[in-house]
Amino acid sequence: MQLIQHIQISREALQSNPMRSLLTTLGVVIGVAAVVSVSLVLQGMTNAVTASFEGLGPRALFIVPFQGPEHRSRRVELTYADAMAVQAICGAVAYTAPQISLPASLSAGGFSRTANMIATIPQYLELNDTFVQTGRFFSSIDIRRRRNVCVIGLTVRDDLKFGEDVIGRTIRIDRHYFTVIGVLESRGQMMGADRDDTVLIPLTTASKLYGAQLPKRLTIMAQARTIDQIETATQQITAVLRKRHRLGGLIEDFKIFSQTEILDNVRQFSTMITAVVAGIVGIALFVGGIGIMNTMLASVAERSYEIGLRKSVGAQRKEIMHQFLIESIVLSAGGGLLGLLVGAVAGYGFGLIIDLPVSFALWPLLLSFGFACTVGLFFGVYPAVRAADLDPIKALQRV
C-alpha cells in the first residue's frame, strides 16, 4: 500500500514539470531505442541468412578461392575441372556445382534491365533446393555443347513483359542472344535481395562467351552424402584440390566452409555488433543517469519544505529515501518505455526501407528496460540519501 502511494506521489511530482522530466530521460530514451532498433534489424538479418543457408541442407559445403600470403606469386582460382574432379574422386561427396555470379544487362522486346547472372551446371538445382516452374533446366548436353540457353527468375520474366508464354523466347544478355528454356519457382527475398531477379546459363557457355576472366570468380558448392560424412568429405576435397593445385608444402589456396561454420560466423557477427552497440548505449545511459541525478537533486532542493514537514510529523528516514528512489526509478522507467516505443518504430521503419523483415526478440527489450530501471536506481541513491539526511528544522526554515 505504501509503495502505491510512493508511486502516485512520484507520478504527480514528475507530471508537475513534464518538459523537464522528458529532457532528463532523453539519454535513457536514446540508449534503449538504440538497443531495440539494432536488435530488431540484426535479429531479422540473422534469421534471413539462417533460413537461406538452412534451405541448402546441413550437408552443404562451400569451396572458395583463398589468396594467402604464400600465394602472392601464384594464380589462385578454382575451375570447372576442379569441381568435376571432386565429384569423380571424392566418395563422400554426392554432388558438386561450380558457379559464377556477376551482373548482366538483359533486354527483350524493347524492355531492358540489369540482373544477377549465375553460370553453373544442372546440379545447381539439387544443391540449392530449387525447382523449375515452367519449362526445364539446362542439361548435361547443353553443358557439353555450350548452348546459348538460359533459365530466368519470375522477376526477370515479369519485368521483361514475357507473360506466361515465355518458353522459346529470345533474350539478350550483354552482347549475346539466348533462348529461354525455363522459369524458376519463386525463391523470395534474402536480406533485402530479390532471389527471383536472376538468370542462369550453362557454365561452359559463359566460359565460351566471356573468356578467361571468369574462373577467378568461380566458387564450388558441394554436398556430402550424409551428415556423418561432412568431415570425411572435407578431407577428401582438400586432398584432391591440393594435388590438382600442386601446393606441395604450401597452405591451401582455397577454403572449405560447412553450413554450420557459416551460421556460427553470422551469429558471432551479430553478437559482436550487439556488443559494440551495447557499449555505446552504456555511455548514453550513463549520461542519462547523470541527468536523472541532477534533476532529483534539484527536486530535493525544491521540495525541502515538504521533506521537512513530513519528517517533523514523524516520517522516518527510510520513507523519505524510498520516496525519492522510487521517483528516480519511475523517471528512468518512463524513459525506458518511451525508448522501447521509439526503438520499435525505428527498427521496423528501417526494415521497411532496406526491405528486410525485422524479427522480434524479447530478451533485448527486457534487458534494455532493466538497464534503464537500474540506471534510475543507481543514480537516484545519492539524491535520496540527501533528502533523507535533511534536517527538518533547517528544511522548514528555507521557506
Protein backbone atom coordinates (compact mmCIF):
# COMPACT_ATOMS: atom_id res chain seq x y z
CA MET A 1 0.00 0.00 0.00
CA GLN A 2 2.81 2.38 0.90
CA LEU A 3 4.59 1.52 -2.37
CA ILE A 4 1.49 2.53 -4.37
CA GLN A 5 1.36 5.83 -2.50
CA HIS A 6 5.04 6.46 -3.23
CA ILE A 7 4.46 5.77 -6.93
CA GLN A 8 1.45 8.11 -7.04
CA ILE A 9 3.41 10.90 -5.35
CA SER A 10 6.31 10.33 -7.77
CA ARG A 11 4.00 10.46 -10.78
CA GLU A 12 2.43 13.72 -9.59
CA ALA A 13 5.86 15.25 -8.95
CA LEU A 14 7.08 14.34 -12.44
CA GLN A 15 3.86 15.50 -14.11
CA SER A 16 4.22 18.89 -12.47
CA ASN A 17 7.13 19.60 -14.85
CA PRO A 18 6.71 17.28 -17.85
CA MET A 19 9.21 19.03 -20.14
CA ARG A 20 11.98 18.78 -17.58
CA SER A 21 11.14 15.11 -16.99
CA LEU A 22 11.26 14.40 -20.74
CA LEU A 23 14.58 16.15 -21.27
CA THR A 24 16.00 14.43 -18.19
CA THR A 25 15.27 10.98 -19.57
CA LEU A 26 16.47 11.77 -23.13
CA GLY A 27 19.73 9.87 -22.65
CA VAL A 28 17.82 6.82 -21.39
CA VAL A 29 15.36 7.07 -24.29
CA ILE A 30 18.19 7.21 -26.86
CA GLY A 31 20.07 4.32 -25.26
CA VAL A 32 17.08 1.99 -25.02
CA ALA A 33 15.85 2.94 -28.52
CA ALA A 34 19.29 2.17 -29.98
CA VAL A 35 19.37 -1.29 -28.39
CA VAL A 36 15.84 -2.16 -29.51
CA SER A 37 16.13 -0.90 -33.10
CA VAL A 38 19.53 -2.52 -33.72
CA SER A 39 18.43 -5.81 -32.16
CA LEU A 40 15.29 -5.91 -34.35
CA VAL A 41 17.31 -5.39 -37.54
CA LEU A 42 20.15 -7.73 -36.54
CA GLN A 43 17.75 -10.48 -35.49
CA GLY A 44 15.89 -10.13 -38.78
CA MET A 45 19.15 -10.27 -40.75
CA THR A 46 20.36 -13.30 -38.79
CA ASN A 47 17.07 -15.12 -39.29
CA ALA A 48 17.06 -14.34 -43.02
CA VAL A 49 20.62 -15.61 -43.52
CA THR A 50 19.97 -18.64 -41.35
CA ALA A 51 16.82 -19.54 -43.27
CA SER A 52 18.67 -19.15 -46.57
CA PHE A 53 21.54 -21.46 -45.65
CA GLU A 54 19.36 -23.94 -43.79
CA GLY A 55 17.38 -24.29 -47.02
CA LEU A 56 20.54 -25.70 -48.60
CA GLY A 57 20.57 -28.55 -46.11
CA PRO A 58 23.02 -29.41 -43.34
CA ARG A 59 25.26 -31.39 -45.74
CA ALA A 60 26.19 -28.32 -47.84
CA LEU A 61 29.84 -27.35 -48.26
CA PHE A 62 31.19 -24.17 -49.87
CA ILE A 63 34.62 -24.02 -51.51
CA VAL A 64 36.08 -20.58 -52.29
CA PRO A 65 39.49 -19.37 -53.51
CA PHE A 66 41.85 -18.05 -50.84
CA GLN A 67 44.75 -15.69 -51.59
CA GLY A 68 47.10 -16.26 -48.64
CA PRO A 69 50.50 -14.61 -48.11
CA GLU A 70 52.25 -17.67 -49.57
CA HIS A 71 50.28 -17.40 -52.82
CA ARG A 72 51.01 -13.85 -53.90
CA SER A 73 53.10 -15.05 -56.83
CA ARG A 74 50.55 -17.73 -57.78
CA ARG A 75 47.30 -17.52 -59.71
CA VAL A 76 44.68 -18.51 -57.18
CA GLU A 77 41.44 -19.82 -58.69
CA LEU A 78 39.01 -22.69 -58.78
CA THR A 79 37.96 -24.19 -62.10
CA TYR A 80 35.23 -26.27 -63.65
CA ALA A 81 37.74 -29.14 -63.87
CA ASP A 82 38.35 -28.88 -60.10
CA ALA A 83 34.63 -29.33 -59.45
CA MET A 84 34.40 -32.31 -61.78
CA ALA A 85 37.46 -33.92 -60.17
CA VAL A 86 35.92 -33.53 -56.70
CA GLN A 87 32.70 -35.09 -58.00
CA ALA A 88 34.53 -38.03 -59.60
CA ILE A 89 37.13 -38.80 -56.91
CA CYS A 90 35.60 -37.89 -53.54
CA GLY A 91 33.43 -40.82 -52.46
CA ALA A 92 31.86 -38.88 -49.57
CA VAL A 93 30.62 -36.14 -51.94
CA ALA A 94 27.20 -36.61 -53.53
CA TYR A 95 27.07 -33.52 -55.78
CA THR A 96 29.20 -30.57 -56.80
CA ALA A 97 28.13 -27.42 -58.62
CA PRO A 98 30.67 -24.81 -59.72
CA GLN A 99 29.11 -21.40 -60.19
CA ILE A 100 30.00 -17.87 -61.19
CA SER A 101 27.85 -14.89 -60.26
CA LEU A 102 28.11 -11.48 -61.91
CA PRO A 103 25.79 -8.66 -63.04
CA ALA A 104 24.48 -8.71 -66.60
CA SER A 105 22.40 -6.43 -68.82
CA LEU A 106 19.21 -8.05 -70.08
CA SER A 107 16.94 -6.87 -72.88
CA ALA A 108 13.98 -8.26 -74.83
CA GLY A 109 11.10 -6.75 -76.77
CA GLY A 110 12.17 -3.17 -76.11
CA PHE A 111 12.48 -3.71 -72.34
CA SER A 112 15.84 -3.80 -70.56
CA ARG A 113 17.19 -4.17 -67.03
CA THR A 114 20.18 -5.39 -65.03
CA ALA A 115 20.01 -8.70 -63.16
CA ASN A 116 22.29 -11.17 -61.43
CA MET A 117 23.60 -13.81 -63.83
CA ILE A 118 24.70 -17.20 -62.49
CA ALA A 119 26.72 -19.55 -64.67
CA THR A 120 26.53 -23.11 -63.35
CA ILE A 121 25.66 -26.75 -64.15
CA PRO A 122 22.49 -28.88 -63.72
CA GLN A 123 23.43 -29.98 -60.17
CA TYR A 124 22.77 -26.39 -59.07
CA LEU A 125 19.08 -27.24 -58.66
CA GLU A 126 19.74 -30.14 -56.33
CA LEU A 127 22.24 -28.27 -54.17
CA ASN A 128 20.12 -25.12 -53.82
CA ASP A 129 16.81 -26.90 -53.31
CA THR A 130 15.46 -25.01 -56.32
CA PHE A 131 12.76 -26.09 -58.77
CA VAL A 132 11.67 -25.14 -62.27
CA GLN A 133 8.12 -23.82 -62.52
CA THR A 134 7.83 -23.75 -66.30
CA GLY A 135 9.92 -25.49 -68.97
CA ARG A 136 13.18 -27.20 -67.98
CA PHE A 137 16.65 -26.56 -66.61
CA PHE A 138 19.66 -26.89 -68.86
CA SER A 139 21.02 -30.43 -69.20
CA SER A 140 24.41 -32.09 -69.44
CA ILE A 141 24.03 -31.94 -73.24
CA ASP A 142 23.60 -28.16 -73.04
CA ILE A 143 26.77 -28.08 -70.94
CA ARG A 144 28.78 -30.19 -73.37
CA ARG A 145 27.60 -28.31 -76.45
CA ARG A 146 27.88 -24.89 -74.83
CA ARG A 147 24.42 -23.88 -75.94
CA ASN A 148 23.09 -20.36 -75.55
CA VAL A 149 20.15 -21.30 -73.35
CA CYS A 150 19.00 -19.74 -70.07
CA VAL A 151 16.60 -20.15 -67.19
CA ILE A 152 15.14 -16.98 -65.69
CA GLY A 153 13.54 -15.97 -62.38
CA LEU A 154 9.98 -14.69 -62.06
CA THR A 155 11.08 -11.07 -61.53
CA VAL A 156 13.05 -11.10 -64.79
CA ARG A 157 10.10 -12.68 -66.61
CA ASP A 158 7.68 -10.06 -65.34
CA ASP A 159 9.97 -7.03 -65.84
CA LEU A 160 10.72 -8.02 -69.43
CA LYS A 161 6.95 -8.45 -70.02
CA PHE A 162 7.24 -12.02 -71.28
CA GLY A 163 3.97 -13.14 -69.72
CA GLU A 164 3.14 -16.83 -69.32
CA ASP A 165 4.22 -17.74 -72.87
CA VAL A 166 7.93 -17.38 -72.25
CA ILE A 167 9.50 -20.70 -73.30
CA GLY A 168 11.38 -20.35 -76.58
CA ARG A 169 11.58 -16.56 -76.42
CA THR A 170 14.88 -14.82 -77.12
CA ILE A 171 16.64 -12.66 -74.56
CA ARG A 172 19.80 -10.62 -75.00
CA ILE A 173 22.33 -10.98 -72.18
CA ASP A 174 25.03 -8.34 -72.59
CA ARG A 175 26.01 -8.74 -76.26
CA HIS A 176 24.83 -12.35 -76.68
CA TYR A 177 21.44 -13.86 -77.53
CA PHE A 178 19.96 -16.72 -75.50
CA THR A 179 16.85 -18.86 -75.75
CA VAL A 180 14.70 -19.08 -72.62
CA ILE A 181 14.08 -22.73 -71.77
CA GLY A 182 12.70 -22.44 -68.25
CA VAL A 183 11.40 -20.27 -65.41
CA LEU A 184 12.34 -20.93 -61.78
CA GLU A 185 9.84 -21.13 -58.95
CA SER A 186 9.78 -18.12 -56.67
CA ARG A 187 12.55 -18.13 -54.05
CA GLY A 188 11.60 -14.88 -52.31
CA GLN A 189 13.86 -12.37 -50.59
CA MET A 190 17.11 -12.75 -48.69
CA MET A 191 18.48 -9.77 -46.72
CA GLY A 192 16.57 -7.39 -48.97
CA ALA A 193 17.81 -9.02 -52.19
CA ASP A 194 15.30 -10.45 -54.66
CA ARG A 195 16.42 -14.02 -55.43
CA ASP A 196 13.96 -14.15 -58.34
CA ASP A 197 15.84 -11.34 -60.05
CA THR A 198 18.29 -13.74 -61.69
CA VAL A 199 19.16 -15.51 -64.91
CA LEU A 200 21.08 -18.81 -65.10
CA ILE A 201 23.19 -20.01 -68.02
CA PRO A 202 25.46 -23.04 -68.59
CA LEU A 203 28.92 -22.56 -67.11
CA THR A 204 30.63 -23.76 -70.28
CA THR A 205 28.65 -21.24 -72.33
CA ALA A 206 29.79 -18.47 -70.01
CA SER A 207 33.42 -19.58 -70.44
CA LYS A 208 32.98 -19.56 -74.22
CA LEU A 209 31.40 -16.10 -74.35
CA TYR A 210 33.08 -14.22 -71.52
CA GLY A 211 36.62 -15.53 -71.69
CA ALA A 212 39.37 -16.41 -69.25
CA GLN A 213 38.46 -13.84 -66.58
CA LEU A 214 35.52 -15.95 -65.34
CA PRO A 215 37.45 -18.69 -63.46
CA LYS A 216 38.72 -16.08 -60.99
CA ARG A 217 35.13 -15.62 -59.85
CA LEU A 218 34.29 -19.31 -59.62
CA THR A 219 33.17 -20.95 -56.38
CA ILE A 220 32.10 -24.55 -55.81
CA MET A 221 29.16 -25.86 -53.84
CA ALA A 222 29.25 -29.47 -52.72
CA GLN A 223 27.03 -31.79 -50.74
CA ALA A 224 28.20 -34.63 -48.51
CA ARG A 225 26.34 -37.93 -48.90
CA THR A 226 25.34 -37.94 -45.22
CA ILE A 227 25.72 -35.58 -42.29
CA ASP A 228 28.19 -38.01 -40.69
CA GLN A 229 30.42 -37.76 -43.77
CA ILE A 230 30.84 -33.97 -43.74
CA GLU A 231 34.28 -34.18 -42.14
CA THR A 232 35.33 -37.01 -44.46
CA ALA A 233 34.09 -35.07 -47.49
CA THR A 234 36.07 -32.02 -46.37
CA GLN A 235 39.25 -34.08 -46.02
CA GLN A 236 38.76 -35.73 -49.43
CA ILE A 237 38.10 -32.39 -51.15
CA THR A 238 41.19 -30.91 -49.52
CA ALA A 239 43.37 -33.82 -50.70
CA VAL A 240 42.05 -33.65 -54.30
CA LEU A 241 42.43 -29.88 -54.64
CA ARG A 242 45.88 -29.81 -53.02
CA LYS A 243 47.07 -32.38 -55.56
CA ARG A 244 45.46 -30.62 -58.51
CA HIS A 245 46.87 -27.23 -57.47
CA ARG A 246 50.33 -28.71 -56.82
CA LEU A 247 50.64 -27.00 -53.46
CA GLY A 248 53.38 -29.20 -52.05
CA GLY A 249 54.28 -27.72 -48.66
CA LEU A 250 52.21 -24.56 -49.16
CA ILE A 251 48.98 -23.92 -47.29
CA GLU A 252 45.69 -24.35 -49.17
CA ASP A 253 44.78 -21.70 -51.73
CA PHE A 254 41.11 -22.42 -51.03
CA LYS A 255 38.78 -22.50 -48.05
CA ILE A 256 36.03 -25.01 -47.30
CA PHE A 257 33.09 -23.91 -45.17
CA SER A 258 30.25 -26.01 -43.88
CA GLN A 259 26.77 -24.65 -43.32
CA THR A 260 27.33 -24.86 -39.55
CA GLU A 261 30.50 -22.76 -39.73
CA ILE A 262 28.81 -20.09 -41.83
CA LEU A 263 25.83 -19.85 -39.50
CA ASP A 264 28.14 -19.70 -36.48
CA ASN A 265 30.05 -16.83 -38.13
CA VAL A 266 26.79 -14.99 -38.83
CA ARG A 267 25.70 -15.36 -35.21
CA GLN A 268 29.13 -14.28 -33.93
CA PHE A 269 28.99 -11.21 -36.18
CA SER A 270 25.52 -10.37 -34.89
CA THR A 271 26.69 -10.80 -31.28
CA MET A 272 29.76 -8.62 -31.91
CA ILE A 273 27.67 -5.80 -33.40
CA THR A 274 25.23 -6.04 -30.50
CA ALA A 275 28.14 -5.82 -28.03
CA VAL A 276 29.53 -2.72 -29.77
CA VAL A 277 26.11 -1.07 -29.73
CA ALA A 278 25.68 -2.04 -26.08
CA GLY A 279 28.95 -0.27 -25.26
CA ILE A 280 27.79 2.90 -27.00
CA VAL A 281 24.42 2.59 -25.31
CA GLY A 282 26.16 2.26 -21.94
CA ILE A 283 27.62 5.74 -22.46
CA ALA A 284 24.19 7.13 -23.37
CA LEU A 285 22.65 5.55 -20.28
CA PHE A 286 25.45 6.91 -18.10
CA VAL A 287 24.80 10.41 -19.43
CA GLY A 288 21.09 9.87 -18.91
CA GLY A 289 21.76 8.72 -15.35
CA ILE A 290 23.70 11.89 -14.58
CA GLY A 291 20.76 13.90 -15.91
CA ILE A 292 18.38 11.98 -13.66
CA MET A 293 20.63 12.55 -10.65
CA ASN A 294 20.82 16.31 -11.34
CA THR A 295 17.06 16.53 -11.71
CA MET A 296 16.50 14.61 -8.50
CA LEU A 297 18.94 16.86 -6.62
CA ALA A 298 17.04 19.88 -7.92
CA SER A 299 13.81 18.21 -6.83
CA VAL A 300 15.21 17.68 -3.34
CA ALA A 301 16.12 21.37 -3.13
CA GLU A 302 12.70 22.46 -4.42
CA ARG A 303 10.81 20.20 -2.05
CA SER A 304 12.89 20.72 1.06
CA TYR A 305 9.90 22.25 2.89
CA GLU A 306 7.80 19.16 2.02
CA ILE A 307 10.59 16.89 3.28
CA GLY A 308 10.99 18.87 6.48
CA LEU A 309 7.25 18.90 7.11
CA ARG A 310 6.96 15.12 6.60
CA LYS A 311 9.89 14.44 8.92
CA SER A 312 8.50 16.81 11.58
CA VAL A 313 5.23 14.85 11.71
CA GLY A 314 7.01 11.53 12.12
CA ALA A 315 8.12 10.33 8.66
CA GLN A 316 11.07 8.00 9.02
CA ARG A 317 14.37 8.42 7.19
CA LYS A 318 13.85 5.29 5.12
CA GLU A 319 10.41 6.50 3.95
CA ILE A 320 11.89 9.72 2.58
CA MET A 321 14.69 7.76 0.95
CA HIS A 322 12.28 5.25 -0.59
CA GLN A 323 10.13 8.09 -1.92
CA PHE A 324 12.96 9.69 -3.89
CA LEU A 325 14.42 6.36 -5.02
CA ILE A 326 11.05 5.33 -6.42
CA GLU A 327 10.70 8.71 -8.09
CA SER A 328 14.09 8.24 -9.76
CA ILE A 329 13.18 4.73 -10.90
CA VAL A 330 9.79 5.90 -12.22
CA LEU A 331 11.58 8.63 -14.17
CA SER A 332 14.08 6.21 -15.75
CA ALA A 333 11.41 3.54 -16.32
CA GLY A 334 9.28 6.09 -18.15
CA GLY A 335 12.26 6.91 -20.35
CA GLY A 336 12.81 3.18 -20.87
CA LEU A 337 9.21 2.64 -22.01
CA LEU A 338 9.43 5.59 -24.39
CA GLY A 339 12.73 4.21 -25.67
CA LEU A 340 11.11 0.83 -26.34
CA LEU A 341 8.42 2.52 -28.42
CA VAL A 342 10.85 4.73 -30.34
CA GLY A 343 13.24 1.81 -30.94
CA ALA A 344 10.46 -0.46 -32.22
CA VAL A 345 9.21 2.20 -34.64
CA ALA A 346 12.76 2.99 -35.81
CA GLY A 347 13.65 -0.70 -36.23
CA TYR A 348 10.55 -1.57 -38.22
CA GLY A 349 10.88 1.61 -40.27
CA PHE A 350 14.50 0.84 -41.17
CA GLY A 351 13.47 -2.71 -42.05
CA LEU A 352 10.90 -1.34 -44.50
CA ILE A 353 13.46 1.00 -46.06
CA ILE A 354 16.01 -1.77 -46.73
CA ASP A 355 13.28 -4.33 -47.44
CA LEU A 356 14.41 -6.62 -44.62
CA PRO A 357 11.87 -8.43 -42.42
CA VAL A 358 12.78 -7.48 -38.86
CA SER A 359 12.36 -10.06 -36.13
CA PHE A 360 11.06 -9.57 -32.61
CA ALA A 361 13.10 -10.93 -29.71
CA LEU A 362 12.05 -10.48 -26.10
CA TRP A 363 15.48 -10.52 -24.41
CA PRO A 364 16.87 -7.19 -25.75
CA LEU A 365 13.65 -5.43 -24.75
CA LEU A 366 13.72 -6.81 -21.22
CA LEU A 367 17.48 -6.27 -20.91
CA SER A 368 17.40 -2.65 -22.09
CA PHE A 369 14.38 -1.81 -19.93
CA GLY A 370 16.04 -3.48 -16.95
CA PHE A 371 19.20 -1.42 -17.54
CA ALA A 372 17.10 1.74 -17.69
CA CYS A 373 15.50 0.96 -14.31
CA THR A 374 18.92 0.08 -12.86
CA VAL A 375 20.27 3.45 -14.01
CA GLY A 376 17.42 5.17 -12.18
CA LEU A 377 18.12 3.17 -9.05
CA PHE A 378 21.89 3.72 -9.12
CA PHE A 379 21.84 7.44 -9.84
CA GLY A 380 18.89 8.03 -7.52
CA VAL A 381 20.68 6.79 -4.41
CA TYR A 382 22.67 9.98 -3.76
CA PRO A 383 19.70 12.39 -4.10
CA ALA A 384 17.59 10.03 -1.97
CA VAL A 385 20.24 9.99 0.75
CA ARG A 386 20.49 13.81 0.57
CA ALA A 387 16.74 14.09 1.01
CA ALA A 388 16.67 11.58 3.88
CA ASP A 389 19.51 13.38 5.71
CA LEU A 390 17.91 16.84 5.59
CA ASP A 391 17.46 18.40 8.99
CA PRO A 392 13.70 19.10 9.34
CA ILE A 393 14.23 22.41 11.17
CA LYS A 394 16.66 23.77 8.56
CA ALA A 395 14.43 22.44 5.76
CA LEU A 396 11.41 24.32 7.15
CA GLN A 397 13.46 27.48 7.58
CA ARG A 398 14.23 27.58 3.81
CA VAL A 399 10.68 28.68 3.00
